PDB file of all heavy atoms in Angstrom:
ATOM      1  N   ALA A   1       2.062 -47.208 -63.970  1.00  0.00           N
ATOM      2  CA  ALA A   1       2.565 -48.398 -63.274  1.00  0.00           C
ATOM      3  C   ALA A   1       2.387 -48.264 -61.760  1.00  0.00           C
ATOM      4  O   ALA A   1       2.024 -49.224 -61.084  1.00  0.00           O
ATOM      5  CB  ALA A   1       4.035 -48.620 -63.615  1.00  0.00           C
ATOM      6  N   ALA A   2       2.611 -47.073 -61.238  1.00  0.00           N
ATOM      7  CA  ALA A   2       2.485 -46.846 -59.797  1.00  0.00           C
ATOM      8  C   ALA A   2       1.028 -46.882 -59.335  1.00  0.00           C
ATOM      9  O   ALA A   2       0.761 -47.136 -58.156  1.00  0.00           O
ATOM     10  CB  ALA A   2       3.117 -45.511 -59.420  1.00  0.00           C
ATOM     11  N   MET A   3       0.099 -46.636 -60.246  1.00  0.00           N
ATOM     12  CA  MET A   3      -1.321 -46.636 -59.880  1.00  0.00           C
ATOM     13  C   MET A   3      -1.802 -48.043 -59.513  1.00  0.00           C
ATOM     14  O   MET A   3      -2.732 -48.194 -58.747  1.00  0.00           O
ATOM     15  CB  MET A   3      -2.171 -46.041 -60.993  1.00  0.00           C
ATOM     16  CG  MET A   3      -1.923 -44.556 -61.187  1.00  0.00           C
ATOM     17  SD  MET A   3      -2.758 -43.893 -62.626  1.00  0.00           S
ATOM     18  CE  MET A   3      -4.420 -43.742 -62.014  1.00  0.00           C
ATOM     19  N   ASN A   4      -1.175 -49.052 -60.091  1.00  0.00           N
ATOM     20  CA  ASN A   4      -1.483 -50.444 -59.764  1.00  0.00           C
ATOM     21  C   ASN A   4      -2.974 -50.771 -59.905  1.00  0.00           C
ATOM     22  O   ASN A   4      -3.564 -51.453 -59.074  1.00  0.00           O
ATOM     23  CB  ASN A   4      -0.989 -50.781 -58.360  1.00  0.00           C
ATOM     24  CG  ASN A   4      -0.815 -52.273 -58.161  1.00  0.00           C
ATOM     25  OD1 ASN A   4      -0.617 -53.002 -59.135  1.00  0.00           O
ATOM     26  ND2 ASN A   4      -0.901 -52.720 -56.937  1.00  0.00           N
ATOM     27  N   ARG A   5      -3.579 -50.231 -60.946  1.00  0.00           N
ATOM     28  CA  ARG A   5      -4.985 -50.523 -61.253  1.00  0.00           C
ATOM     29  C   ARG A   5      -5.179 -50.314 -62.749  1.00  0.00           C
ATOM     30  O   ARG A   5      -4.372 -49.656 -63.398  1.00  0.00           O
ATOM     31  CB  ARG A   5      -5.934 -49.620 -60.464  1.00  0.00           C
ATOM     32  CG  ARG A   5      -5.873 -48.145 -60.863  1.00  0.00           C
ATOM     33  CD  ARG A   5      -7.003 -47.343 -60.225  1.00  0.00           C
ATOM     34  NE  ARG A   5      -6.932 -45.935 -60.546  1.00  0.00           N
ATOM     35  CZ  ARG A   5      -7.362 -45.360 -61.658  1.00  0.00           C
ATOM     36  NH1 ARG A   5      -7.892 -46.084 -62.635  1.00  0.00           N
ATOM     37  NH2 ARG A   5      -7.273 -44.062 -61.831  1.00  0.00           N
ATOM     38  N   PRO A   6      -6.244 -50.863 -63.306  1.00  0.00           N
ATOM     39  CA  PRO A   6      -6.513 -50.624 -64.725  1.00  0.00           C
ATOM     40  C   PRO A   6      -6.747 -49.131 -64.987  1.00  0.00           C
ATOM     41  O   PRO A   6      -7.372 -48.440 -64.182  1.00  0.00           O
ATOM     42  CB  PRO A   6      -7.792 -51.419 -64.989  1.00  0.00           C
ATOM     43  CG  PRO A   6      -7.873 -52.425 -63.894  1.00  0.00           C
ATOM     44  CD  PRO A   6      -7.225 -51.789 -62.706  1.00  0.00           C
ATOM     45  N   VAL A   7      -6.219 -48.660 -66.096  1.00  0.00           N
ATOM     46  CA  VAL A   7      -6.343 -47.249 -66.464  1.00  0.00           C
ATOM     47  C   VAL A   7      -6.860 -47.179 -67.898  1.00  0.00           C
ATOM     48  O   VAL A   7      -6.360 -47.874 -68.781  1.00  0.00           O
ATOM     49  CB  VAL A   7      -4.975 -46.535 -66.361  1.00  0.00           C
ATOM     50  CG1 VAL A   7      -5.091 -45.077 -66.717  1.00  0.00           C
ATOM     51  CG2 VAL A   7      -4.400 -46.687 -64.966  1.00  0.00           C
ATOM     52  N   SER A   8      -7.857 -46.343 -68.109  1.00  0.00           N
ATOM     53  CA  SER A   8      -8.421 -46.224 -69.456  1.00  0.00           C
ATOM     54  C   SER A   8      -7.503 -45.376 -70.345  1.00  0.00           C
ATOM     55  O   SER A   8      -6.662 -44.605 -69.866  1.00  0.00           O
ATOM     56  CB  SER A   8      -9.808 -45.575 -69.399  1.00  0.00           C
ATOM     57  OG  SER A   8      -9.694 -44.198 -69.096  1.00  0.00           O
ATOM     58  N   ILE A   9      -7.690 -45.527 -71.630  1.00  0.00           N
ATOM     59  CA  ILE A   9      -6.920 -44.738 -72.588  1.00  0.00           C
ATOM     60  C   ILE A   9      -7.203 -43.249 -72.395  1.00  0.00           C
ATOM     61  O   ILE A   9      -6.292 -42.423 -72.473  1.00  0.00           O
ATOM     62  CB  ILE A   9      -7.233 -45.187 -74.032  1.00  0.00           C
ATOM     63  CG1 ILE A   9      -6.709 -46.601 -74.252  1.00  0.00           C
ATOM     64  CG2 ILE A   9      -6.629 -44.224 -75.045  1.00  0.00           C
ATOM     65  CD1 ILE A   9      -7.085 -47.215 -75.571  1.00  0.00           C
ATOM     66  N   ALA A  10      -8.457 -42.911 -72.101  1.00  0.00           N
ATOM     67  CA  ALA A  10      -8.813 -41.513 -71.869  1.00  0.00           C
ATOM     68  C   ALA A  10      -8.035 -40.939 -70.681  1.00  0.00           C
ATOM     69  O   ALA A  10      -7.544 -39.811 -70.738  1.00  0.00           O
ATOM     70  CB  ALA A  10     -10.316 -41.372 -71.639  1.00  0.00           C
ATOM     71  N   GLU A  11      -7.900 -41.734 -69.605  1.00  0.00           N
ATOM     72  CA  GLU A  11      -7.127 -41.278 -68.446  1.00  0.00           C
ATOM     73  C   GLU A  11      -5.661 -41.067 -68.809  1.00  0.00           C
ATOM     74  O   GLU A  11      -5.040 -40.094 -68.378  1.00  0.00           O
ATOM     75  CB  GLU A  11      -7.211 -42.295 -67.305  1.00  0.00           C
ATOM     76  CG  GLU A  11      -8.527 -42.324 -66.574  1.00  0.00           C
ATOM     77  CD  GLU A  11      -8.522 -43.395 -65.503  1.00  0.00           C
ATOM     78  OE1 GLU A  11      -8.625 -44.586 -65.855  1.00  0.00           O
ATOM     79  OE2 GLU A  11      -8.415 -43.027 -64.320  1.00  0.00           O
ATOM     80  N   VAL A  12      -5.118 -41.988 -69.586  1.00  0.00           N
ATOM     81  CA  VAL A  12      -3.714 -41.883 -69.993  1.00  0.00           C
ATOM     82  C   VAL A  12      -3.508 -40.634 -70.848  1.00  0.00           C
ATOM     83  O   VAL A  12      -2.529 -39.901 -70.672  1.00  0.00           O
ATOM     84  CB  VAL A  12      -3.252 -43.149 -70.748  1.00  0.00           C
ATOM     85  CG1 VAL A  12      -1.870 -42.952 -71.348  1.00  0.00           C
ATOM     86  CG2 VAL A  12      -3.264 -44.353 -69.816  1.00  0.00           C
ATOM     87  N   LEU A  13      -4.439 -40.359 -71.748  1.00  0.00           N
ATOM     88  CA  LEU A  13      -4.312 -39.170 -72.589  1.00  0.00           C
ATOM     89  C   LEU A  13      -4.408 -37.885 -71.764  1.00  0.00           C
ATOM     90  O   LEU A  13      -3.691 -36.915 -72.030  1.00  0.00           O
ATOM     91  CB  LEU A  13      -5.370 -39.186 -73.697  1.00  0.00           C
ATOM     92  CG  LEU A  13      -5.173 -40.272 -74.757  1.00  0.00           C
ATOM     93  CD1 LEU A  13      -6.346 -40.278 -75.726  1.00  0.00           C
ATOM     94  CD2 LEU A  13      -3.859 -40.077 -75.492  1.00  0.00           C
ATOM     95  N   GLU A  14      -5.280 -37.885 -70.756  1.00  0.00           N
ATOM     96  CA  GLU A  14      -5.362 -36.723 -69.871  1.00  0.00           C
ATOM     97  C   GLU A  14      -4.058 -36.545 -69.102  1.00  0.00           C
ATOM     98  O   GLU A  14      -3.561 -35.425 -68.958  1.00  0.00           O
ATOM     99  CB  GLU A  14      -6.518 -36.879 -68.881  1.00  0.00           C
ATOM    100  CG  GLU A  14      -7.877 -36.653 -69.491  1.00  0.00           C
ATOM    101  CD  GLU A  14      -8.997 -36.826 -68.470  1.00  0.00           C
ATOM    102  OE1 GLU A  14      -8.725 -36.777 -67.250  1.00  0.00           O
ATOM    103  OE2 GLU A  14     -10.148 -37.010 -68.901  1.00  0.00           O
ATOM    104  N   MET A  15      -3.509 -37.657 -68.611  1.00  0.00           N
ATOM    105  CA  MET A  15      -2.227 -37.591 -67.895  1.00  0.00           C
ATOM    106  C   MET A  15      -1.130 -37.066 -68.810  1.00  0.00           C
ATOM    107  O   MET A  15      -0.298 -36.258 -68.393  1.00  0.00           O
ATOM    108  CB  MET A  15      -1.826 -38.972 -67.386  1.00  0.00           C
ATOM    109  CG  MET A  15      -2.556 -39.415 -66.172  1.00  0.00           C
ATOM    110  SD  MET A  15      -1.846 -40.980 -65.595  1.00  0.00           S
ATOM    111  CE  MET A  15      -3.265 -42.032 -65.803  1.00  0.00           C
ATOM    112  N   GLN A  16      -1.142 -37.543 -70.038  1.00  0.00           N
ATOM    113  CA  GLN A  16      -0.126 -37.106 -70.998  1.00  0.00           C
ATOM    114  C   GLN A  16      -0.184 -35.598 -71.197  1.00  0.00           C
ATOM    115  O   GLN A  16       0.824 -34.920 -71.180  1.00  0.00           O
ATOM    116  CB  GLN A  16      -0.325 -37.852 -72.327  1.00  0.00           C
ATOM    117  CG  GLN A  16       0.693 -37.545 -73.379  1.00  0.00           C
ATOM    118  CD  GLN A  16       0.282 -36.416 -74.304  1.00  0.00           C
ATOM    119  OE1 GLN A  16      -0.897 -36.092 -74.430  1.00  0.00           O
ATOM    120  NE2 GLN A  16       1.245 -35.804 -74.936  1.00  0.00           N
ATOM    121  N   ARG A  17      -1.393 -35.062 -71.352  1.00  0.00           N
ATOM    122  CA  ARG A  17      -1.557 -33.620 -71.516  1.00  0.00           C
ATOM    123  C   ARG A  17      -1.080 -32.878 -70.272  1.00  0.00           C
ATOM    124  O   ARG A  17      -0.338 -31.899 -70.367  1.00  0.00           O
ATOM    125  CB  ARG A  17      -3.024 -33.293 -71.795  1.00  0.00           C
ATOM    126  CG  ARG A  17      -3.275 -31.799 -72.001  1.00  0.00           C
ATOM    127  CD  ARG A  17      -4.713 -31.418 -71.770  1.00  0.00           C
ATOM    128  NE  ARG A  17      -5.076 -31.729 -70.382  1.00  0.00           N
ATOM    129  CZ  ARG A  17      -6.277 -32.120 -70.001  1.00  0.00           C
ATOM    130  NH1 ARG A  17      -7.241 -32.271 -70.859  1.00  0.00           N
ATOM    131  NH2 ARG A  17      -6.524 -32.380 -68.728  1.00  0.00           N
ATOM    132  N   ASP A  18      -1.471 -33.379 -69.102  1.00  0.00           N
ATOM    133  CA  ASP A  18      -1.111 -32.708 -67.860  1.00  0.00           C
ATOM    134  C   ASP A  18       0.402 -32.710 -67.635  1.00  0.00           C
ATOM    135  O   ASP A  18       0.988 -31.694 -67.271  1.00  0.00           O
ATOM    136  CB  ASP A  18      -1.822 -33.370 -66.672  1.00  0.00           C
ATOM    137  CG  ASP A  18      -3.338 -33.243 -66.757  1.00  0.00           C
ATOM    138  OD1 ASP A  18      -3.831 -32.335 -67.464  1.00  0.00           O
ATOM    139  OD2 ASP A  18      -4.030 -34.060 -66.126  1.00  0.00           O
ATOM    140  N   VAL A  19       1.025 -33.843 -67.867  1.00  0.00           N
ATOM    141  CA  VAL A  19       2.481 -33.942 -67.684  1.00  0.00           C
ATOM    142  C   VAL A  19       3.201 -33.064 -68.698  1.00  0.00           C
ATOM    143  O   VAL A  19       4.138 -32.335 -68.357  1.00  0.00           O
ATOM    144  CB  VAL A  19       2.951 -35.417 -67.781  1.00  0.00           C
ATOM    145  CG1 VAL A  19       4.464 -35.509 -67.859  1.00  0.00           C
ATOM    146  CG2 VAL A  19       2.424 -36.215 -66.601  1.00  0.00           C
ATOM    147  N   ARG A  20       2.746 -33.100 -69.945  1.00  0.00           N
ATOM    148  CA  ARG A  20       3.396 -32.287 -70.982  1.00  0.00           C
ATOM    149  C   ARG A  20       3.348 -30.805 -70.630  1.00  0.00           C
ATOM    150  O   ARG A  20       4.354 -30.100 -70.697  1.00  0.00           O
ATOM    151  CB  ARG A  20       2.750 -32.504 -72.349  1.00  0.00           C
ATOM    152  CG  ARG A  20       3.341 -31.603 -73.442  1.00  0.00           C
ATOM    153  CD  ARG A  20       2.823 -31.922 -74.810  1.00  0.00           C
ATOM    154  NE  ARG A  20       3.092 -33.276 -75.213  1.00  0.00           N
ATOM    155  CZ  ARG A  20       4.274 -33.719 -75.655  1.00  0.00           C
ATOM    156  NH1 ARG A  20       5.287 -32.905 -75.724  1.00  0.00           N
ATOM    157  NH2 ARG A  20       4.428 -34.972 -76.001  1.00  0.00           N
ATOM    158  N   PHE A  21       2.178 -30.319 -70.260  1.00  0.00           N
ATOM    159  CA  PHE A  21       2.060 -28.898 -69.952  1.00  0.00           C
ATOM    160  C   PHE A  21       2.768 -28.530 -68.660  1.00  0.00           C
ATOM    161  O   PHE A  21       3.257 -27.409 -68.519  1.00  0.00           O
ATOM    162  CB  PHE A  21       0.596 -28.471 -69.906  1.00  0.00           C
ATOM    163  CG  PHE A  21      -0.049 -28.377 -71.261  1.00  0.00           C
ATOM    164  CD1 PHE A  21      -1.407 -28.559 -71.394  1.00  0.00           C
ATOM    165  CD2 PHE A  21       0.680 -28.095 -72.397  1.00  0.00           C
ATOM    166  CE1 PHE A  21      -2.029 -28.459 -72.634  1.00  0.00           C
ATOM    167  CE2 PHE A  21       0.083 -28.003 -73.648  1.00  0.00           C
ATOM    168  CZ  PHE A  21      -1.277 -28.186 -73.764  1.00  0.00           C
ATOM    169  N   ALA A  22       2.825 -29.458 -67.702  1.00  0.00           N
ATOM    170  CA  ALA A  22       3.542 -29.182 -66.463  1.00  0.00           C
ATOM    171  C   ALA A  22       5.053 -29.082 -66.718  1.00  0.00           C
ATOM    172  O   ALA A  22       5.726 -28.211 -66.165  1.00  0.00           O
ATOM    173  CB  ALA A  22       3.250 -30.259 -65.422  1.00  0.00           C
ATOM    174  N   LEU A  23       5.559 -29.957 -67.574  1.00  0.00           N
ATOM    175  CA  LEU A  23       6.995 -29.941 -67.876  1.00  0.00           C
ATOM    176  C   LEU A  23       7.380 -28.888 -68.916  1.00  0.00           C
ATOM    177  O   LEU A  23       8.454 -28.286 -68.828  1.00  0.00           O
ATOM    178  CB  LEU A  23       7.438 -31.317 -68.388  1.00  0.00           C
ATOM    179  CG  LEU A  23       7.408 -32.464 -67.399  1.00  0.00           C
ATOM    180  CD1 LEU A  23       7.758 -33.780 -68.103  1.00  0.00           C
ATOM    181  CD2 LEU A  23       8.369 -32.211 -66.249  1.00  0.00           C
ATOM    182  N   TYR A  24       6.529 -28.711 -69.901  1.00  0.00           N
ATOM    183  CA  TYR A  24       6.836 -27.831 -71.034  1.00  0.00           C
ATOM    184  C   TYR A  24       5.673 -26.872 -71.280  1.00  0.00           C
ATOM    185  O   TYR A  24       4.849 -27.112 -72.167  1.00  0.00           O
ATOM    186  CB  TYR A  24       7.108 -28.667 -72.297  1.00  0.00           C
ATOM    187  CG  TYR A  24       8.131 -29.747 -72.072  1.00  0.00           C
ATOM    188  CD1 TYR A  24       7.761 -31.086 -72.028  1.00  0.00           C
ATOM    189  CD2 TYR A  24       9.464 -29.421 -71.859  1.00  0.00           C
ATOM    190  CE1 TYR A  24       8.690 -32.077 -71.804  1.00  0.00           C
ATOM    191  CE2 TYR A  24      10.409 -30.410 -71.634  1.00  0.00           C
ATOM    192  CZ  TYR A  24      10.025 -31.734 -71.613  1.00  0.00           C
ATOM    193  OH  TYR A  24      10.948 -32.717 -71.387  1.00  0.00           O
ATOM    194  N   PRO A  25       5.573 -25.794 -70.503  1.00  0.00           N
ATOM    195  CA  PRO A  25       4.481 -24.838 -70.687  1.00  0.00           C
ATOM    196  C   PRO A  25       4.447 -24.312 -72.127  1.00  0.00           C
ATOM    197  O   PRO A  25       5.483 -24.209 -72.789  1.00  0.00           O
ATOM    198  CB  PRO A  25       4.826 -23.711 -69.712  1.00  0.00           C
ATOM    199  CG  PRO A  25       5.726 -24.339 -68.702  1.00  0.00           C
ATOM    200  CD  PRO A  25       6.484 -25.408 -69.437  1.00  0.00           C
ATOM    201  N   ALA A  26       3.249 -24.002 -72.579  1.00  0.00           N
ATOM    202  CA  ALA A  26       3.062 -23.525 -73.955  1.00  0.00           C
ATOM    203  C   ALA A  26       2.183 -22.276 -73.966  1.00  0.00           C
ATOM    204  O   ALA A  26       1.078 -22.298 -74.504  1.00  0.00           O
ATOM    205  CB  ALA A  26       2.461 -24.629 -74.805  1.00  0.00           C
ATOM    206  N   PRO A  27       2.643 -21.191 -73.340  1.00  0.00           N
ATOM    207  CA  PRO A  27       1.817 -19.980 -73.317  1.00  0.00           C
ATOM    208  C   PRO A  27       1.515 -19.499 -74.734  1.00  0.00           C
ATOM    209  O   PRO A  27       2.328 -19.648 -75.638  1.00  0.00           O
ATOM    210  CB  PRO A  27       2.656 -18.969 -72.550  1.00  0.00           C
ATOM    211  CG  PRO A  27       4.026 -19.524 -72.475  1.00  0.00           C
ATOM    212  CD  PRO A  27       3.943 -20.989 -72.749  1.00  0.00           C
ATOM    213  N   GLY A  28       0.342 -18.959 -74.888  1.00  0.00           N
ATOM    214  CA  GLY A  28      -0.051 -18.462 -76.194  1.00  0.00           C
ATOM    215  C   GLY A  28      -0.903 -19.444 -76.980  1.00  0.00           C
ATOM    216  O   GLY A  28      -1.495 -19.077 -77.988  1.00  0.00           O
ATOM    217  N   PHE A  29      -0.942 -20.692 -76.548  1.00  0.00           N
ATOM    218  CA  PHE A  29      -1.785 -21.678 -77.198  1.00  0.00           C
ATOM    219  C   PHE A  29      -3.084 -21.817 -76.423  1.00  0.00           C
ATOM    220  O   PHE A  29      -3.065 -21.924 -75.198  1.00  0.00           O
ATOM    221  CB  PHE A  29      -1.077 -23.042 -77.283  1.00  0.00           C
ATOM    222  CG  PHE A  29       0.046 -23.057 -78.291  1.00  0.00           C
ATOM    223  CD1 PHE A  29       1.338 -22.730 -77.905  1.00  0.00           C
ATOM    224  CD2 PHE A  29      -0.198 -23.379 -79.614  1.00  0.00           C
ATOM    225  CE1 PHE A  29       2.375 -22.734 -78.816  1.00  0.00           C
ATOM    226  CE2 PHE A  29       0.828 -23.385 -80.541  1.00  0.00           C
ATOM    227  CZ  PHE A  29       2.121 -23.051 -80.141  1.00  0.00           C
ATOM    228  N   ARG A  30      -4.199 -21.833 -77.120  1.00  0.00           N
ATOM    229  CA  ARG A  30      -5.516 -21.874 -76.475  1.00  0.00           C
ATOM    230  C   ARG A  30      -5.671 -23.093 -75.579  1.00  0.00           C
ATOM    231  O   ARG A  30      -6.196 -23.008 -74.466  1.00  0.00           O
ATOM    232  CB  ARG A  30      -6.628 -21.843 -77.524  1.00  0.00           C
ATOM    233  CG  ARG A  30      -8.031 -21.776 -76.924  1.00  0.00           C
ATOM    234  CD  ARG A  30      -9.120 -21.940 -77.968  1.00  0.00           C
ATOM    235  NE  ARG A  30      -9.009 -23.168 -78.737  1.00  0.00           N
ATOM    236  CZ  ARG A  30      -9.380 -24.381 -78.296  1.00  0.00           C
ATOM    237  NH1 ARG A  30      -9.853 -24.526 -77.091  1.00  0.00           N
ATOM    238  NH2 ARG A  30      -9.255 -25.437 -79.066  1.00  0.00           N
ATOM    239  N   VAL A  31      -5.208 -24.253 -76.030  1.00  0.00           N
ATOM    240  CA  VAL A  31      -5.344 -25.474 -75.240  1.00  0.00           C
ATOM    241  C   VAL A  31      -4.588 -25.330 -73.917  1.00  0.00           C
ATOM    242  O   VAL A  31      -5.075 -25.734 -72.869  1.00  0.00           O
ATOM    243  CB  VAL A  31      -4.833 -26.696 -76.034  1.00  0.00           C
ATOM    244  CG1 VAL A  31      -4.844 -27.952 -75.196  1.00  0.00           C
ATOM    245  CG2 VAL A  31      -5.648 -26.890 -77.294  1.00  0.00           C
ATOM    246  N   TYR A  32      -3.400 -24.741 -73.977  1.00  0.00           N
ATOM    247  CA  TYR A  32      -2.624 -24.540 -72.747  1.00  0.00           C
ATOM    248  C   TYR A  32      -3.314 -23.531 -71.835  1.00  0.00           C
ATOM    249  O   TYR A  32      -3.387 -23.737 -70.625  1.00  0.00           O
ATOM    250  CB  TYR A  32      -1.207 -24.068 -73.075  1.00  0.00           C
ATOM    251  CG  TYR A  32      -0.388 -23.781 -71.837  1.00  0.00           C
ATOM    252  CD1 TYR A  32       0.125 -24.827 -71.074  1.00  0.00           C
ATOM    253  CD2 TYR A  32      -0.139 -22.480 -71.418  1.00  0.00           C
ATOM    254  CE1 TYR A  32       0.863 -24.584 -69.932  1.00  0.00           C
ATOM    255  CE2 TYR A  32       0.592 -22.227 -70.273  1.00  0.00           C
ATOM    256  CZ  TYR A  32       1.100 -23.280 -69.544  1.00  0.00           C
ATOM    257  OH  TYR A  32       1.825 -23.037 -68.399  1.00  0.00           O
ATOM    258  N   THR A  33      -3.837 -22.478 -72.400  1.00  0.00           N
ATOM    259  CA  THR A  33      -4.544 -21.464 -71.616  1.00  0.00           C
ATOM    260  C   THR A  33      -5.749 -22.075 -70.919  1.00  0.00           C
ATOM    261  O   THR A  33      -5.991 -21.811 -69.737  1.00  0.00           O
ATOM    262  CB  THR A  33      -4.984 -20.298 -72.524  1.00  0.00           C
ATOM    263  OG1 THR A  33      -3.835 -19.782 -73.208  1.00  0.00           O
ATOM    264  CG2 THR A  33      -5.617 -19.185 -71.721  1.00  0.00           C
ATOM    265  N   ASP A  34      -6.501 -22.918 -71.623  1.00  0.00           N
ATOM    266  CA  ASP A  34      -7.638 -23.618 -71.017  1.00  0.00           C
ATOM    267  C   ASP A  34      -7.161 -24.546 -69.902  1.00  0.00           C
ATOM    268  O   ASP A  34      -7.783 -24.625 -68.844  1.00  0.00           O
ATOM    269  CB  ASP A  34      -8.410 -24.424 -72.063  1.00  0.00           C
ATOM    270  CG  ASP A  34      -9.115 -23.542 -73.078  1.00  0.00           C
ATOM    271  OD1 ASP A  34      -9.259 -22.328 -72.821  1.00  0.00           O
ATOM    272  OD2 ASP A  34      -9.510 -24.072 -74.135  1.00  0.00           O
ATOM    273  N   TRP A  35      -6.049 -25.237 -70.131  1.00  0.00           N
ATOM    274  CA  TRP A  35      -5.513 -26.160 -69.135  1.00  0.00           C
ATOM    275  C   TRP A  35      -5.064 -25.407 -67.883  1.00  0.00           C
ATOM    276  O   TRP A  35      -5.261 -25.887 -66.768  1.00  0.00           O
ATOM    277  CB  TRP A  35      -4.354 -26.947 -69.721  1.00  0.00           C
ATOM    278  CG  TRP A  35      -3.690 -27.866 -68.743  1.00  0.00           C
ATOM    279  CD1 TRP A  35      -4.130 -29.100 -68.374  1.00  0.00           C
ATOM    280  CD2 TRP A  35      -2.503 -27.627 -67.999  1.00  0.00           C
ATOM    281  NE1 TRP A  35      -3.265 -29.650 -67.447  1.00  0.00           N
ATOM    282  CE2 TRP A  35      -2.257 -28.754 -67.202  1.00  0.00           C
ATOM    283  CE3 TRP A  35      -1.610 -26.566 -67.932  1.00  0.00           C
ATOM    284  CZ2 TRP A  35      -1.164 -28.859 -66.353  1.00  0.00           C
ATOM    285  CZ3 TRP A  35      -0.520 -26.662 -67.084  1.00  0.00           C
ATOM    286  CH2 TRP A  35      -0.309 -27.796 -66.306  1.00  0.00           C
ATOM    287  N   GLU A  36      -4.475 -24.240 -68.057  1.00  0.00           N
ATOM    288  CA  GLU A  36      -4.000 -23.459 -66.913  1.00  0.00           C
ATOM    289  C   GLU A  36      -5.117 -23.160 -65.912  1.00  0.00           C
ATOM    290  O   GLU A  36      -4.869 -23.100 -64.719  1.00  0.00           O
ATOM    291  CB  GLU A  36      -3.391 -22.131 -67.376  1.00  0.00           C
ATOM    292  CG  GLU A  36      -1.937 -22.216 -67.732  1.00  0.00           C
ATOM    293  CD  GLU A  36      -1.365 -20.838 -67.946  1.00  0.00           C
ATOM    294  OE1 GLU A  36      -1.939 -20.051 -68.732  1.00  0.00           O
ATOM    295  OE2 GLU A  36      -0.341 -20.541 -67.313  1.00  0.00           O
ATOM    296  N   LYS A  37      -6.330 -22.985 -66.417  1.00  0.00           N
ATOM    297  CA  LYS A  37      -7.467 -22.657 -65.548  1.00  0.00           C
ATOM    298  C   LYS A  37      -7.795 -23.780 -64.586  1.00  0.00           C
ATOM    299  O   LYS A  37      -8.325 -23.539 -63.500  1.00  0.00           O
ATOM    300  CB  LYS A  37      -8.690 -22.298 -66.394  1.00  0.00           C
ATOM    301  CG  LYS A  37      -8.499 -21.048 -67.220  1.00  0.00           C
ATOM    302  CD  LYS A  37      -9.662 -20.817 -68.159  1.00  0.00           C
ATOM    303  CE  LYS A  37      -9.373 -19.654 -69.089  1.00  0.00           C
ATOM    304  NZ  LYS A  37     -10.381 -19.536 -70.143  1.00  0.00           N
ATOM    305  N   SER A  38      -7.503 -25.016 -64.966  1.00  0.00           N
ATOM    306  CA  SER A  38      -7.832 -26.159 -64.112  1.00  0.00           C
ATOM    307  C   SER A  38      -6.609 -27.004 -63.767  1.00  0.00           C
ATOM    308  O   SER A  38      -6.748 -28.152 -63.357  1.00  0.00           O
ATOM    309  CB  SER A  38      -8.881 -27.039 -64.792  1.00  0.00           C
ATOM    310  OG  SER A  38      -8.345 -27.572 -65.986  1.00  0.00           O
ATOM    311  N   LYS A  39      -5.428 -26.431 -63.901  1.00  0.00           N
ATOM    312  CA  LYS A  39      -4.226 -27.237 -63.699  1.00  0.00           C
ATOM    313  C   LYS A  39      -4.060 -27.717 -62.265  1.00  0.00           C
ATOM    314  O   LYS A  39      -3.528 -28.793 -62.034  1.00  0.00           O
ATOM    315  CB  LYS A  39      -2.977 -26.501 -64.169  1.00  0.00           C
ATOM    316  CG  LYS A  39      -2.526 -25.355 -63.294  1.00  0.00           C
ATOM    317  CD  LYS A  39      -1.275 -24.735 -63.868  1.00  0.00           C
ATOM    318  CE  LYS A  39      -0.845 -23.537 -63.043  1.00  0.00           C
ATOM    319  NZ  LYS A  39       0.312 -22.904 -63.634  1.00  0.00           N
TER     320      LYS A  39
END
């Protein structure tokens, strides 16, 4: 809502992953480990 521009579903899904891992780290999971490298 704050972006005030059209947002694709892919962008929303990326945001969802980023917010989830930022709020609730999941060490030990490969996806989280990969995300940590580019967080």
